[in-house]
């Protein structure tokens, strides 16, 4: 059975097949505060000010680069919205893959360490 800790330990790999709805439904509760938004998962992280928001972005950047799985980031004064999906699955139509959940779990861990 997959756990949050198991997700954090895994490495992203090239993905061709999207997760099924049942797989997404099973994985989503492992992530604190993440929501499904069609073919993406998103979470809004809140901070006291812009400097703290940018510090978070800089803290997650090395992991994102290392895993070579880049989210869409929306950065405002005291929030950062992280949106993950995998463009390469479903014959290039996109969807959710294991990589999205691996990186989301890793981002959660980084956020918890900073809090």
C-alpha atoms as a PDB file:
ATOM      1  CA  UNK A   1       0.000   0.000   0.000  1.00  0.00           C
ATOM      2  CA  UNK A   2       1.229   3.462  -0.845  1.00  0.00           C
ATOM      3  CA  UNK A   3       1.760   5.981   1.935  1.00  0.00           C
ATOM      4  CA  UNK A   4       2.870   9.593   2.003  1.00  0.00           C
ATOM      5  CA  UNK A   5       6.331   8.471   3.144  1.00  0.00           C
ATOM      6  CA  UNK A   6       6.529   5.993   0.271  1.00  0.00           C
ATOM      7  CA  UNK A   7       5.625   8.718  -2.218  1.00  0.00           C
ATOM      8  CA  UNK A   8       8.375  10.986  -0.843  1.00  0.00           C
ATOM      9  CA  UNK A   9      10.974   8.228  -1.200  1.00  0.00           C
ATOM     10  CA  UNK A  10      10.195   7.509  -4.846  1.00  0.00           C
ATOM     11  CA  UNK A  11      11.847   9.171  -7.839  1.00  0.00           C
ATOM     12  CA  UNK A  12      10.020  10.530 -10.856  1.00  0.00           C
ATOM     13  CA  UNK A  13      10.351   8.486 -14.020  1.00  0.00           C
ATOM     14  CA  UNK A  14       9.119   9.045 -17.581  1.00  0.00           C
ATOM     15  CA  UNK A  15       5.388   8.327 -17.709  1.00  0.00           C
ATOM     16  CA  UNK A  16       3.229   7.362 -20.677  1.00  0.00           C
ATOM     17  CA  UNK A  17       0.030   6.228 -18.985  1.00  0.00           C
ATOM     18  CA  UNK A  18      -2.202   8.406 -16.858  1.00  0.00           C
ATOM     19  CA  UNK A  19      -3.516   7.189 -13.540  1.00  0.00           C
ATOM     20  CA  UNK A  20      -7.077   5.911 -13.489  1.00  0.00           C
ATOM     21  CA  UNK A  21      -9.774   7.790 -11.586  1.00  0.00           C
ATOM     22  CA  UNK A  22      -9.662   5.063  -8.934  1.00  0.00           C
ATOM     23  CA  UNK A  23      -5.895   5.471  -8.528  1.00  0.00           C
ATOM     24  CA  UNK A  24      -6.197   9.250  -8.224  1.00  0.00           C
ATOM     25  CA  UNK A  25      -9.019   8.857  -5.695  1.00  0.00           C
ATOM     26  CA  UNK A  26      -6.821   6.513  -3.632  1.00  0.00           C
ATOM     27  CA  UNK A  27      -3.730   8.757  -3.727  1.00  0.00           C
ATOM     28  CA  UNK A  28      -5.310  12.166  -3.155  1.00  0.00           C
ATOM     29  CA  UNK A  29      -6.094  11.650   0.577  1.00  0.00           C
ATOM     30  CA  UNK A  30      -2.365  11.048   1.166  1.00  0.00           C
ATOM     31  CA  UNK A  31      -1.679  14.693   0.288  1.00  0.00           C
ATOM     32  CA  UNK A  32      -2.522  17.396   2.802  1.00  0.00           C
ATOM     33  CA  UNK A  33      -4.581  20.192   1.268  1.00  0.00           C
ATOM     34  CA  UNK A  34      -4.273  19.119  -2.370  1.00  0.00           C
ATOM     35  CA  UNK A  35      -7.367  19.086  -4.554  1.00  0.00           C
ATOM     36  CA  UNK A  36      -8.131  17.576  -7.906  1.00  0.00           C
ATOM     37  CA  UNK A  37      -8.881  20.146 -10.578  1.00  0.00           C
ATOM     38  CA  UNK A  38      -9.840  18.193 -13.707  1.00  0.00           C
ATOM     39  CA  UNK A  39      -6.560  16.697 -14.944  1.00  0.00           C
ATOM     40  CA  UNK A  40      -4.398  18.459 -12.343  1.00  0.00           C
ATOM     41  CA  UNK A  41      -3.827  18.549  -8.612  1.00  0.00           C
ATOM     42  CA  UNK A  42      -3.411  21.893  -6.875  1.00  0.00           C
ATOM     43  CA  UNK A  43      -2.633  23.306  -3.475  1.00  0.00           C
ATOM     44  CA  UNK A  44      -2.423  26.880  -2.240  1.00  0.00           C
ATOM     45  CA  UNK A  45       0.341  27.555   0.269  1.00  0.00           C
ATOM     46  CA  UNK A  46      -0.020  30.685   2.438  1.00  0.00           C
ATOM     47  CA  UNK A  47       2.743  32.828   3.924  1.00  0.00           C
ATOM     48  CA  UNK A  48       3.047  35.970   6.042  1.00  0.00           C
ATOM     49  CA  UNK A  49       4.631  38.076   3.281  1.00  0.00           C
ATOM     50  CA  UNK A  50       6.278  38.128  -0.120  1.00  0.00           C
ATOM     51  CA  UNK A  51       9.756  37.289   1.168  1.00  0.00           C
ATOM     52  CA  UNK A  52       8.446  34.105   2.820  1.00  0.00           C
ATOM     53  CA  UNK A  53       6.540  33.199  -0.346  1.00  0.00           C
ATOM     54  CA  UNK A  54       9.678  33.544  -2.457  1.00  0.00           C
ATOM     55  CA  UNK A  55      11.708  31.605   0.114  1.00  0.00           C
ATOM     56  CA  UNK A  56       9.267  28.710  -0.335  1.00  0.00           C
ATOM     57  CA  UNK A  57       9.591  28.855  -4.120  1.00  0.00           C
ATOM     58  CA  UNK A  58      13.383  28.831  -3.770  1.00  0.00           C
ATOM     59  CA  UNK A  59      13.194  25.918  -1.314  1.00  0.00           C
ATOM     60  CA  UNK A  60      11.171  23.715  -3.673  1.00  0.00           C
ATOM     61  CA  UNK A  61      13.113  24.631  -6.826  1.00  0.00           C
ATOM     62  CA  UNK A  62      16.034  22.187  -6.296  1.00  0.00           C
ATOM     63  CA  UNK A  63      13.663  19.233  -5.793  1.00  0.00           C
ATOM     64  CA  UNK A  64      11.634  20.217  -8.853  1.00  0.00           C
ATOM     65  CA  UNK A  65      14.807  20.434 -10.929  1.00  0.00           C
ATOM     66  CA  UNK A  66      16.191  17.155  -9.549  1.00  0.00           C
ATOM     67  CA  UNK A  67      12.953  15.287 -10.306  1.00  0.00           C
ATOM     68  CA  UNK A  68      12.649  17.000 -13.716  1.00  0.00           C
ATOM     69  CA  UNK A  69       8.915  17.392 -13.128  1.00  0.00           C
ATOM     70  CA  UNK A  70       7.946  21.041 -13.169  1.00  0.00           C
ATOM     71  CA  UNK A  71       4.680  22.419 -11.815  1.00  0.00           C
ATOM     72  CA  UNK A  72       2.842  25.558 -12.757  1.00  0.00           C
ATOM     73  CA  UNK A  73       3.489  28.085  -9.986  1.00  0.00           C
ATOM     74  CA  UNK A  74       1.365  31.157  -9.370  1.00  0.00           C
ATOM     75  CA  UNK A  75       3.157  33.472  -6.953  1.00  0.00           C
ATOM     76  CA  UNK A  76       1.444  36.406  -5.261  1.00  0.00           C
ATOM     77  CA  UNK A  77       2.274  38.523  -2.211  1.00  0.00           C
ATOM     78  CA  UNK A  78       1.486  35.868   0.416  1.00  0.00           C
ATOM     79  CA  UNK A  79       0.502  32.774  -1.561  1.00  0.00           C
ATOM     80  CA  UNK A  80       1.916  30.241  -3.955  1.00  0.00           C
ATOM     81  CA  UNK A  81      -0.446  28.018  -5.905  1.00  0.00           C
ATOM     82  CA  UNK A  82       1.220  24.814  -7.104  1.00  0.00           C
ATOM     83  CA  UNK A  83      -0.464  22.929  -9.957  1.00  0.00           C
ATOM     84  CA  UNK A  84       0.803  19.569 -11.141  1.00  0.00           C
ATOM     85  CA  UNK A  85      -0.109  17.448 -14.136  1.00  0.00           C
ATOM     86  CA  UNK A  86       1.824  15.344 -16.611  1.00  0.00           C
ATOM     87  CA  UNK A  87       1.714  16.568 -20.199  1.00  0.00           C
ATOM     88  CA  UNK A  88       3.237  13.410 -21.695  1.00  0.00           C
ATOM     89  CA  UNK A  89       0.520  10.935 -20.632  1.00  0.00           C
ATOM     90  CA  UNK A  90      -2.547   9.966 -22.664  1.00  0.00           C
ATOM     91  CA  UNK A  91      -0.650  10.257 -25.948  1.00  0.00           C
ATOM     92  CA  UNK A  92       0.273  13.850 -25.156  1.00  0.00           C
ATOM     93  CA  UNK A  93      -3.240  14.885 -24.063  1.00  0.00           C
ATOM     94  CA  UNK A  94      -2.104  15.122 -20.441  1.00  0.00           C
ATOM     95  CA  UNK A  95      -3.459  13.880 -17.152  1.00  0.00           C
ATOM     96  CA  UNK A  96      -2.240  12.811 -13.754  1.00  0.00           C
ATOM     97  CA  UNK A  97       0.656  10.425 -13.181  1.00  0.00           C
ATOM     98  CA  UNK A  98       2.573   9.031 -10.225  1.00  0.00           C
ATOM     99  CA  UNK A  99       5.103  11.841 -10.743  1.00  0.00           C
ATOM    100  CA  UNK A 100       2.513  14.461  -9.782  1.00  0.00           C
ATOM    101  CA  UNK A 101       1.840  12.756  -6.465  1.00  0.00           C
ATOM    102  CA  UNK A 102       5.529  12.103  -5.768  1.00  0.00           C
ATOM    103  CA  UNK A 103       6.400  15.785  -6.209  1.00  0.00           C
ATOM    104  CA  UNK A 104       3.333  16.993  -4.302  1.00  0.00           C
ATOM    105  CA  UNK A 105       4.311  14.811  -1.317  1.00  0.00           C
ATOM    106  CA  UNK A 106       7.867  16.142  -1.486  1.00  0.00           C
ATOM    107  CA  UNK A 107       6.632  19.746  -1.624  1.00  0.00           C
ATOM    108  CA  UNK A 108       4.441  19.097   1.429  1.00  0.00           C
ATOM    109  CA  UNK A 109       7.504  17.853   3.332  1.00  0.00           C
ATOM    110  CA  UNK A 110       9.501  20.950   2.372  1.00  0.00           C
ATOM    111  CA  UNK A 111       6.631  23.193   3.479  1.00  0.00           C
ATOM    112  CA  UNK A 112       6.329  21.376   6.830  1.00  0.00           C
ATOM    113  CA  UNK A 113      10.060  21.766   7.479  1.00  0.00           C
ATOM    114  CA  UNK A 114       9.854  25.497   6.801  1.00  0.00           C
ATOM    115  CA  UNK A 115       6.827  26.040   9.053  1.00  0.00           C
END
